[in-house]
């Protein structure tokens, strides 16, 4: 079977995490993506559920607020708050 090359762009940290995990499974990135692609072709669907809105933390409003906060901190305008730990009873 002829081989081909695929270029995939992704976040560098995500790539490192995936490579580490795949190595724990005893495989490399190519093998992992090949397994994924074979499952998609065989099952004729993505082999896991993809959904929207299950985690409100990642909604558009929160993401904009987080980015604004990061910009403020980088500009030296951040406010430090004390972390208060509450003991479990």
C-alpha atoms as a PDB file:
ATOM      1  CA  UNK A   1       0.000   0.000   0.000  1.00  0.00           C
ATOM      2  CA  UNK A   2       1.362   3.420  -0.954  1.00  0.00           C
ATOM      3  CA  UNK A   3       2.085   5.842   1.870  1.00  0.00           C
ATOM      4  CA  UNK A   4       1.272   9.567   1.944  1.00  0.00           C
ATOM      5  CA  UNK A   5       2.139  12.457   4.246  1.00  0.00           C
ATOM      6  CA  UNK A   6      -0.412  14.598   6.100  1.00  0.00           C
ATOM      7  CA  UNK A   7       0.467  17.881   7.816  1.00  0.00           C
ATOM      8  CA  UNK A   8      -1.640  18.771  10.855  1.00  0.00           C
ATOM      9  CA  UNK A   9      -1.474  22.057  12.752  1.00  0.00           C
ATOM     10  CA  UNK A  10      -2.258  22.021  16.482  1.00  0.00           C
ATOM     11  CA  UNK A  11      -1.326  23.714  19.715  1.00  0.00           C
ATOM     12  CA  UNK A  12       2.242  22.813  20.707  1.00  0.00           C
ATOM     13  CA  UNK A  13       1.316  21.916  24.291  1.00  0.00           C
ATOM     14  CA  UNK A  14      -1.531  19.683  23.086  1.00  0.00           C
ATOM     15  CA  UNK A  15       0.891  17.918  20.736  1.00  0.00           C
ATOM     16  CA  UNK A  16       3.390  17.313  23.546  1.00  0.00           C
ATOM     17  CA  UNK A  17       0.675  15.958  25.838  1.00  0.00           C
ATOM     18  CA  UNK A  18      -0.644  13.665  23.102  1.00  0.00           C
ATOM     19  CA  UNK A  19       2.843  12.406  22.206  1.00  0.00           C
ATOM     20  CA  UNK A  20       3.525  11.615  25.855  1.00  0.00           C
ATOM     21  CA  UNK A  21       0.232   9.761  26.257  1.00  0.00           C
ATOM     22  CA  UNK A  22       0.664   7.860  22.997  1.00  0.00           C
ATOM     23  CA  UNK A  23       4.165   6.821  24.083  1.00  0.00           C
ATOM     24  CA  UNK A  24       2.613   5.473  27.307  1.00  0.00           C
ATOM     25  CA  UNK A  25       0.386   3.355  25.024  1.00  0.00           C
ATOM     26  CA  UNK A  26       3.500   2.187  23.163  1.00  0.00           C
ATOM     27  CA  UNK A  27       2.803   4.082  19.953  1.00  0.00           C
ATOM     28  CA  UNK A  28       3.746   7.276  18.168  1.00  0.00           C
ATOM     29  CA  UNK A  29       1.567  10.063  16.778  1.00  0.00           C
ATOM     30  CA  UNK A  30       1.396   8.453  13.317  1.00  0.00           C
ATOM     31  CA  UNK A  31       0.136   5.149  14.725  1.00  0.00           C
ATOM     32  CA  UNK A  32      -2.439   6.910  16.916  1.00  0.00           C
ATOM     33  CA  UNK A  33      -3.830   8.943  14.017  1.00  0.00           C
ATOM     34  CA  UNK A  34      -3.863   5.860  11.795  1.00  0.00           C
ATOM     35  CA  UNK A  35      -5.887   3.966  14.425  1.00  0.00           C
ATOM     36  CA  UNK A  36      -8.288   6.917  14.711  1.00  0.00           C
ATOM     37  CA  UNK A  37      -8.694   7.192  10.933  1.00  0.00           C
ATOM     38  CA  UNK A  38      -9.286   3.445  10.515  1.00  0.00           C
ATOM     39  CA  UNK A  39     -12.009   3.601  13.203  1.00  0.00           C
ATOM     40  CA  UNK A  40     -13.679   6.550  11.437  1.00  0.00           C
ATOM     41  CA  UNK A  41     -13.646   4.751   8.078  1.00  0.00           C
ATOM     42  CA  UNK A  42     -14.788   1.419   9.568  1.00  0.00           C
ATOM     43  CA  UNK A  43     -17.615   2.916  11.668  1.00  0.00           C
ATOM     44  CA  UNK A  44     -18.413   5.718   9.201  1.00  0.00           C
ATOM     45  CA  UNK A  45     -18.594   8.171  12.130  1.00  0.00           C
ATOM     46  CA  UNK A  46     -16.375   9.890  14.663  1.00  0.00           C
ATOM     47  CA  UNK A  47     -15.830   7.137  17.257  1.00  0.00           C
ATOM     48  CA  UNK A  48     -16.736   9.363  20.203  1.00  0.00           C
ATOM     49  CA  UNK A  49     -19.426  11.899  21.036  1.00  0.00           C
ATOM     50  CA  UNK A  50     -18.875  15.531  20.049  1.00  0.00           C
ATOM     51  CA  UNK A  51     -21.156  18.007  21.783  1.00  0.00           C
ATOM     52  CA  UNK A  52     -21.509  21.717  22.368  1.00  0.00           C
ATOM     53  CA  UNK A  53     -22.295  23.609  25.533  1.00  0.00           C
ATOM     54  CA  UNK A  54     -21.600  20.880  28.053  1.00  0.00           C
ATOM     55  CA  UNK A  55     -19.139  23.116  29.927  1.00  0.00           C
ATOM     56  CA  UNK A  56     -20.247  26.704  30.424  1.00  0.00           C
ATOM     57  CA  UNK A  57     -16.716  27.713  31.422  1.00  0.00           C
ATOM     58  CA  UNK A  58     -15.705  27.705  27.757  1.00  0.00           C
ATOM     59  CA  UNK A  59     -18.568  29.905  26.536  1.00  0.00           C
ATOM     60  CA  UNK A  60     -17.753  33.016  24.517  1.00  0.00           C
ATOM     61  CA  UNK A  61     -18.425  35.452  27.375  1.00  0.00           C
ATOM     62  CA  UNK A  62     -16.052  33.688  29.780  1.00  0.00           C
ATOM     63  CA  UNK A  63     -13.328  33.356  27.171  1.00  0.00           C
ATOM     64  CA  UNK A  64     -13.469  37.108  26.429  1.00  0.00           C
ATOM     65  CA  UNK A  65     -13.370  37.911  30.155  1.00  0.00           C
ATOM     66  CA  UNK A  66     -10.387  35.600  30.716  1.00  0.00           C
ATOM     67  CA  UNK A  67      -8.483  37.136  27.784  1.00  0.00           C
ATOM     68  CA  UNK A  68      -9.215  40.634  29.133  1.00  0.00           C
ATOM     69  CA  UNK A  69      -7.970  39.583  32.584  1.00  0.00           C
ATOM     70  CA  UNK A  70      -4.788  38.123  31.119  1.00  0.00           C
ATOM     71  CA  UNK A  71      -4.150  41.358  29.218  1.00  0.00           C
ATOM     72  CA  UNK A  72      -4.633  43.358  32.449  1.00  0.00           C
ATOM     73  CA  UNK A  73      -2.205  41.145  34.358  1.00  0.00           C
ATOM     74  CA  UNK A  74       0.404  41.403  31.599  1.00  0.00           C
ATOM     75  CA  UNK A  75      -0.002  45.181  31.639  1.00  0.00           C
ATOM     76  CA  UNK A  76       0.679  45.219  35.378  1.00  0.00           C
ATOM     77  CA  UNK A  77      -2.898  46.131  36.257  1.00  0.00           C
ATOM     78  CA  UNK A  78      -3.808  42.872  37.978  1.00  0.00           C
ATOM     79  CA  UNK A  79      -5.193  42.713  41.498  1.00  0.00           C
ATOM     80  CA  UNK A  80      -3.904  40.064  43.909  1.00  0.00           C
ATOM     81  CA  UNK A  81      -6.472  38.295  46.060  1.00  0.00           C
ATOM     82  CA  UNK A  82      -5.906  36.000  49.022  1.00  0.00           C
ATOM     83  CA  UNK A  83      -6.884  32.383  48.566  1.00  0.00           C
ATOM     84  CA  UNK A  84      -9.099  31.252  51.390  1.00  0.00           C
ATOM     85  CA  UNK A  85      -9.149  27.519  51.980  1.00  0.00           C
ATOM     86  CA  UNK A  86     -12.206  26.004  53.634  1.00  0.00           C
ATOM     87  CA  UNK A  87     -11.686  22.789  55.571  1.00  0.00           C
ATOM     88  CA  UNK A  88     -14.006  19.874  54.838  1.00  0.00           C
ATOM     89  CA  UNK A  89     -16.153  18.968  57.800  1.00  0.00           C
END
